[in-house]
Amino acid sequence: MNNNASDVFEQNLQEKKRLLQACQTEKELTSCSECEKMFECETRKAYVKAVYESMAKGEGGGFEF
């Protein structure tokens, strides 16, 4: 995988993180877990997806924690 592809995943992750943090700030929260809409939140879902994509760098497969 070349660096440009990795950069795309990192840039996407940073953008989703910025949106998530803006939402938390707007709602005066320090964490998504404090939000009543945590499990339905499309902003949070997009952030979580971006985290996994950044970790995988476009490669398929699961993660073991």
PDB file of N, CA and C in Angstrom:
ATOM      1  N   MET A   1       0.853  -1.175   0.000  1.00  0.00           N
ATOM      2  CA  MET A   1       0.000   0.000   0.000  1.00  0.00           C
ATOM      3  C   MET A   1       0.893   1.230   0.000  1.00  0.00           C
ATOM      4  N   ASN A   2       0.611   2.158  -0.885  1.00  0.00           N
ATOM      5  CA  ASN A   2       1.444   3.351  -0.940  1.00  0.00           C
ATOM      6  C   ASN A   2       1.001   4.372   0.100  1.00  0.00           C
ATOM      7  N   ASN A   3       1.857   5.345   0.327  1.00  0.00           N
ATOM      8  CA  ASN A   3       1.575   6.350   1.349  1.00  0.00           C
ATOM      9  C   ASN A   3       0.372   7.214   1.022  1.00  0.00           C
ATOM     10  N   ASN A   4       0.115   7.450  -0.270  1.00  0.00           N
ATOM     11  CA  ASN A   4      -1.036   8.268  -0.637  1.00  0.00           C
ATOM     12  C   ASN A   4      -2.341   7.621  -0.198  1.00  0.00           C
ATOM     13  N   ALA A   5      -2.460   6.318  -0.373  1.00  0.00           N
ATOM     14  CA  ALA A   5      -3.668   5.611   0.055  1.00  0.00           C
ATOM     15  C   ALA A   5      -3.811   5.667   1.565  1.00  0.00           C
ATOM     16  N   SER A   6      -2.710   5.490   2.280  1.00  0.00           N
ATOM     17  CA  SER A   6      -2.736   5.574   3.739  1.00  0.00           C
ATOM     18  C   SER A   6      -3.133   6.973   4.186  1.00  0.00           C
ATOM     19  N   ASP A   7      -2.633   7.982   3.470  1.00  0.00           N
ATOM     20  CA  ASP A   7      -2.965   9.363   3.804  1.00  0.00           C
ATOM     21  C   ASP A   7      -4.456   9.632   3.653  1.00  0.00           C
ATOM     22  N   VAL A   8      -5.091   9.026   2.664  1.00  0.00           N
ATOM     23  CA  VAL A   8      -6.522   9.205   2.448  1.00  0.00           C
ATOM     24  C   VAL A   8      -7.298   8.700   3.660  1.00  0.00           C
ATOM     25  N   PHE A   9      -6.920   7.541   4.169  1.00  0.00           N
ATOM     26  CA  PHE A   9      -7.598   6.990   5.340  1.00  0.00           C
ATOM     27  C   PHE A   9      -7.364   7.860   6.566  1.00  0.00           C
ATOM     28  N   GLU A  10      -6.153   8.359   6.724  1.00  0.00           N
ATOM     29  CA  GLU A  10      -5.838   9.220   7.866  1.00  0.00           C
ATOM     30  C   GLU A  10      -6.576  10.552   7.764  1.00  0.00           C
ATOM     31  N   GLN A  11      -6.643  11.122   6.586  1.00  0.00           N
ATOM     32  CA  GLN A  11      -7.366  12.385   6.394  1.00  0.00           C
ATOM     33  C   GLN A  11      -8.854  12.198   6.686  1.00  0.00           C
ATOM     34  N   ASN A  12      -9.421  11.094   6.224  1.00  0.00           N
ATOM     35  CA  ASN A  12     -10.822  10.802   6.497  1.00  0.00           C
ATOM     36  C   ASN A  12     -11.054  10.655   7.995  1.00  0.00           C
ATOM     37  N   LEU A  13     -10.162   9.957   8.664  1.00  0.00           N
ATOM     38  CA  LEU A  13     -10.278   9.782  10.105  1.00  0.00           C
ATOM     39  C   LEU A  13     -10.240  11.125  10.821  1.00  0.00           C
ATOM     40  N   GLN A  14      -9.318  11.981  10.450  1.00  0.00           N
ATOM     41  CA  GLN A  14      -9.206  13.286  11.095  1.00  0.00           C
ATOM     42  C   GLN A  14     -10.448  14.145  10.858  1.00  0.00           C
ATOM     43  N   GLU A  15     -11.019  14.066   9.665  1.00  0.00           N
ATOM     44  CA  GLU A  15     -12.241  14.822   9.367  1.00  0.00           C
ATOM     45  C   GLU A  15     -13.406  14.310  10.196  1.00  0.00           C
ATOM     46  N   LYS A  16     -13.559  12.992  10.296  1.00  0.00           N
ATOM     47  CA  LYS A  16     -14.652  12.415  11.090  1.00  0.00           C
ATOM     48  C   LYS A  16     -14.460  12.733  12.575  1.00  0.00           C
ATOM     49  N   LYS A  17     -13.226  12.739  13.035  1.00  0.00           N
ATOM     50  CA  LYS A  17     -12.935  13.095  14.423  1.00  0.00           C
ATOM     51  C   LYS A  17     -13.313  14.547  14.684  1.00  0.00           C
ATOM     52  N   ARG A  18     -12.986  15.428  13.745  1.00  0.00           N
ATOM     53  CA  ARG A  18     -13.326  16.846  13.898  1.00  0.00           C
ATOM     54  C   ARG A  18     -14.840  17.025  13.987  1.00  0.00           C
ATOM     55  N   LEU A  19     -15.587  16.318  13.134  1.00  0.00           N
ATOM     56  CA  LEU A  19     -17.044  16.406  13.161  1.00  0.00           C
ATOM     57  C   LEU A  19     -17.623  15.875  14.467  1.00  0.00           C
ATOM     58  N   LEU A  20     -17.071  14.777  14.951  1.00  0.00           N
ATOM     59  CA  LEU A  20     -17.527  14.188  16.209  1.00  0.00           C
ATOM     60  C   LEU A  20     -17.277  15.143  17.371  1.00  0.00           C
ATOM     61  N   GLN A  21     -16.086  15.719  17.421  1.00  0.00           N
ATOM     62  CA  GLN A  21     -15.757  16.643  18.498  1.00  0.00           C
ATOM     63  C   GLN A  21     -16.608  17.907  18.423  1.00  0.00           C
ATOM     64  N   ALA A  22     -16.924  18.362  17.218  1.00  0.00           N
ATOM     65  CA  ALA A  22     -17.788  19.533  17.060  1.00  0.00           C
ATOM     66  C   ALA A  22     -19.185  19.239  17.604  1.00  0.00           C
ATOM     67  N   CYS A  23     -19.667  18.037  17.346  1.00  0.00           N
ATOM     68  CA  CYS A  23     -20.975  17.632  17.857  1.00  0.00           C
ATOM     69  C   CYS A  23     -20.958  17.607  19.384  1.00  0.00           C
ATOM     70  N   GLN A  24     -19.917  17.029  19.964  1.00  0.00           N
ATOM     71  CA  GLN A  24     -19.809  16.977  21.419  1.00  0.00           C
ATOM     72  C   GLN A  24     -19.758  18.383  22.011  1.00  0.00           C
ATOM     73  N   THR A  25     -19.007  19.268  21.382  1.00  0.00           N
ATOM     74  CA  THR A  25     -18.903  20.642  21.860  1.00  0.00           C
ATOM     75  C   THR A  25     -20.256  21.342  21.786  1.00  0.00           C
ATOM     76  N   GLU A  26     -20.939  21.155  20.663  1.00  0.00           N
ATOM     77  CA  GLU A  26     -22.253  21.773  20.467  1.00  0.00           C
ATOM     78  C   GLU A  26     -23.242  21.323  21.535  1.00  0.00           C
ATOM     79  N   LYS A  27     -23.153  20.061  21.914  1.00  0.00           N
ATOM     80  CA  LYS A  27     -24.076  19.499  22.908  1.00  0.00           C
ATOM     81  C   LYS A  27     -23.530  19.604  24.331  1.00  0.00           C
ATOM     82  N   GLU A  28     -22.363  20.231  24.461  1.00  0.00           N
ATOM     83  CA  GLU A  28     -21.700  20.413  25.760  1.00  0.00           C
ATOM     84  C   GLU A  28     -21.470  19.074  26.466  1.00  0.00           C
ATOM     85  N   LEU A  29     -20.949  18.113  25.699  1.00  0.00           N
ATOM     86  CA  LEU A  29     -20.631  16.785  26.216  1.00  0.00           C
ATOM     87  C   LEU A  29     -19.126  16.557  26.121  1.00  0.00           C
ATOM     88  N   THR A  30     -18.615  15.714  26.974  1.00  0.00           N
ATOM     89  CA  THR A  30     -17.198  15.349  26.899  1.00  0.00           C
ATOM     90  C   THR A  30     -17.006  13.965  26.289  1.00  0.00           C
ATOM     91  N   SER A  31     -18.114  13.251  26.076  1.00  0.00           N
ATOM     92  CA  SER A  31     -18.055  11.894  25.535  1.00  0.00           C
ATOM     93  C   SER A  31     -19.379  11.543  24.872  1.00  0.00           C
ATOM     94  N   CYS A  32     -19.310  10.716  23.853  1.00  0.00           N
ATOM     95  CA  CYS A  32     -20.542  10.245  23.211  1.00  0.00           C
ATOM     96  C   CYS A  32     -21.380   9.407  24.171  1.00  0.00           C
ATOM     97  N   SER A  33     -20.741   8.757  25.112  1.00  0.00           N
ATOM     98  CA  SER A  33     -21.485   7.901  26.043  1.00  0.00           C
ATOM     99  C   SER A  33     -22.452   8.708  26.909  1.00  0.00           C
ATOM    100  N   GLU A  34     -22.274  10.015  26.968  1.00  0.00           N
ATOM    101  CA  GLU A  34     -23.172  10.885  27.718  1.00  0.00           C
ATOM    102  C   GLU A  34     -24.398  11.285  26.901  1.00  0.00           C
ATOM    103  N   CYS A  35     -24.403  10.952  25.619  1.00  0.00           N
ATOM    104  CA  CYS A  35     -25.465  11.381  24.710  1.00  0.00           C
ATOM    105  C   CYS A  35     -26.561  10.323  24.623  1.00  0.00           C
ATOM    106  N   GLU A  36     -27.795  10.772  24.661  1.00  0.00           N
ATOM    107  CA  GLU A  36     -28.931   9.845  24.597  1.00  0.00           C
ATOM    108  C   GLU A  36     -29.072   9.187  23.226  1.00  0.00           C
ATOM    109  N   LYS A  37     -28.465   9.770  22.196  1.00  0.00           N
ATOM    110  CA  LYS A  37     -28.570   9.233  20.838  1.00  0.00           C
ATOM    111  C   LYS A  37     -27.316   8.473  20.405  1.00  0.00           C
ATOM    112  N   MET A  38     -26.501   8.064  21.341  1.00  0.00           N
ATOM    113  CA  MET A  38     -25.215   7.443  21.034  1.00  0.00           C
ATOM    114  C   MET A  38     -25.319   6.294  20.030  1.00  0.00           C
ATOM    115  N   PHE A  39     -26.280   5.412  20.202  1.00  0.00           N
ATOM    116  CA  PHE A  39     -26.345   4.220  19.356  1.00  0.00           C
ATOM    117  C   PHE A  39     -27.005   4.469  18.001  1.00  0.00           C
ATOM    118  N   GLU A  40     -27.712   5.571  17.850  1.00  0.00           N
ATOM    119  CA  GLU A  40     -28.328   5.909  16.560  1.00  0.00           C
ATOM    120  C   GLU A  40     -27.531   6.962  15.807  1.00  0.00           C
ATOM    121  N   CYS A  41     -26.514   7.508  16.405  1.00  0.00           N
ATOM    122  CA  CYS A  41     -25.801   8.672  15.866  1.00  0.00           C
ATOM    123  C   CYS A  41     -24.982   8.335  14.612  1.00  0.00           C
ATOM    124  N   GLU A  42     -25.343   8.977  13.504  1.00  0.00           N
ATOM    125  CA  GLU A  42     -24.629   8.743  12.245  1.00  0.00           C
ATOM    126  C   GLU A  42     -23.218   9.336  12.288  1.00  0.00           C
ATOM    127  N   THR A  43     -23.029  10.424  13.016  1.00  0.00           N
ATOM    128  CA  THR A  43     -21.699  11.028  13.144  1.00  0.00           C
ATOM    129  C   THR A  43     -20.762  10.066  13.852  1.00  0.00           C
ATOM    130  N   ARG A  44     -21.229   9.470  14.926  1.00  0.00           N
ATOM    131  CA  ARG A  44     -20.420   8.501  15.671  1.00  0.00           C
ATOM    132  C   ARG A  44     -20.151   7.253  14.839  1.00  0.00           C
ATOM    133  N   LYS A  45     -21.165   6.763  14.131  1.00  0.00           N
ATOM    134  CA  LYS A  45     -20.990   5.577  13.282  1.00  0.00           C
ATOM    135  C   LYS A  45     -19.942   5.840  12.200  1.00  0.00           C
ATOM    136  N   ALA A  46     -19.975   7.025  11.609  1.00  0.00           N
ATOM    137  CA  ALA A  46     -19.001   7.377  10.570  1.00  0.00           C
ATOM    138  C   ALA A  46     -17.592   7.450  11.156  1.00  0.00           C
ATOM    139  N   TYR A  47     -17.477   7.958  12.384  1.00  0.00           N
ATOM    140  CA  TYR A  47     -16.174   8.030  13.047  1.00  0.00           C
ATOM    141  C   TYR A  47     -15.632   6.630  13.331  1.00  0.00           C
ATOM    142  N   VAL A  48     -16.462   5.771  13.874  1.00  0.00           N
ATOM    143  CA  VAL A  48     -16.033   4.398  14.177  1.00  0.00           C
ATOM    144  C   VAL A  48     -15.598   3.686  12.904  1.00  0.00           C
ATOM    145  N   LYS A  49     -16.363   3.856  11.832  1.00  0.00           N
ATOM    146  CA  LYS A  49     -16.001   3.251  10.549  1.00  0.00           C
ATOM    147  C   LYS A  49     -14.650   3.782  10.064  1.00  0.00           C
ATOM    148  N   ALA A  50     -14.435   5.080  10.196  1.00  0.00           N
ATOM    149  CA  ALA A  50     -13.167   5.688   9.773  1.00  0.00           C
ATOM    150  C   ALA A  50     -11.997   5.163  10.601  1.00  0.00           C
ATOM    151  N   VAL A  51     -12.224   4.910  11.883  1.00  0.00           N
ATOM    152  CA  VAL A  51     -11.168   4.349  12.734  1.00  0.00           C
ATOM    153  C   VAL A  51     -10.765   2.976  12.209  1.00  0.00           C
ATOM    154  N   TYR A  52     -11.736   2.113  11.948  1.00  0.00           N
ATOM    155  CA  TYR A  52     -11.427   0.779  11.441  1.00  0.00           C
ATOM    156  C   TYR A  52     -10.759   0.834  10.075  1.00  0.00           C
ATOM    157  N   GLU A  53     -11.243   1.700   9.199  1.00  0.00           N
ATOM    158  CA  GLU A  53     -10.628   1.831   7.878  1.00  0.00           C
ATOM    159  C   GLU A  53      -9.196   2.333   7.985  1.00  0.00           C
ATOM    160  N   SER A  54      -8.947   3.243   8.907  1.00  0.00           N
ATOM    161  CA  SER A  54      -7.594   3.753   9.117  1.00  0.00           C
ATOM    162  C   SER A  54      -6.668   2.652   9.635  1.00  0.00           C
ATOM    163  N   MET A  55      -7.195   1.811  10.514  1.00  0.00           N
ATOM    164  CA  MET A  55      -6.402   0.713  11.056  1.00  0.00           C
ATOM    165  C   MET A  55      -6.087  -0.313   9.977  1.00  0.00           C
ATOM    166  N   ALA A  56      -7.050  -0.579   9.095  1.00  0.00           N
ATOM    167  CA  ALA A  56      -6.892  -1.602   8.067  1.00  0.00           C
ATOM    168  C   ALA A  56      -6.182  -1.069   6.824  1.00  0.00           C
ATOM    169  N   LYS A  57      -6.171   0.238   6.652  1.00  0.00           N
ATOM    170  CA  LYS A  57      -5.557   0.871   5.479  1.00  0.00           C
ATOM    171  C   LYS A  57      -6.078   0.277   4.173  1.00  0.00           C
ATOM    172  N   GLY A  58      -7.388  -0.019   4.161  1.00  0.00           N
ATOM    173  CA  GLY A  58      -7.991  -0.519   2.942  1.00  0.00           C
ATOM    174  C   GLY A  58      -7.954  -2.019   2.767  1.00  0.00           C
ATOM    175  N   GLU A  59      -7.283  -2.711   3.653  1.00  0.00           N
ATOM    176  CA  GLU A  59      -7.215  -4.169   3.577  1.00  0.00           C
ATOM    177  C   GLU A  59      -8.404  -4.743   4.341  1.00  0.00           C
ATOM    178  N   GLY A  60      -8.941  -5.815   3.855  1.00  0.00           N
ATOM    179  CA  GLY A  60     -10.046  -6.476   4.546  1.00  0.00           C
ATOM    180  C   GLY A  60      -9.544  -7.221   5.766  1.00  0.00           C
ATOM    181  N   GLY A  61     -10.474  -7.717   6.524  1.00  0.00           N
ATOM    182  CA  GLY A  61     -10.080  -8.527   7.677  1.00  0.00           C
ATOM    183  C   GLY A  61     -10.588  -7.944   8.965  1.00  0.00           C
ATOM    184  N   GLY A  62     -10.529  -8.751   9.981  1.00  0.00           N
ATOM    185  CA  GLY A  62     -11.014  -8.338  11.289  1.00  0.00           C
ATOM    186  C   GLY A  62      -9.859  -7.888  12.178  1.00  0.00           C
ATOM    187  N   PHE A  63     -10.238  -7.453  13.333  1.00  0.00           N
ATOM    188  CA  PHE A  63      -9.259  -7.018  14.325  1.00  0.00           C
ATOM    189  C   PHE A  63      -9.478  -7.814  15.595  1.00  0.00           C
ATOM    190  N   GLU A  64      -8.397  -8.115  16.248  1.00  0.00           N
ATOM    191  CA  GLU A  64      -8.480  -8.779  17.535  1.00  0.00           C
ATOM    192  C   GLU A  64      -8.018  -7.797  18.587  1.00  0.00           C
ATOM    193  N   PHE A  65      -8.850  -7.650  19.622  1.00  0.00           N
ATOM    194  CA  PHE A  65      -8.510  -6.702  20.682  1.00  0.00           C
ATOM    195  C   PHE A  65      -8.172  -7.446  21.940  1.00  0.00           C
TER     196      PHE A  65
END
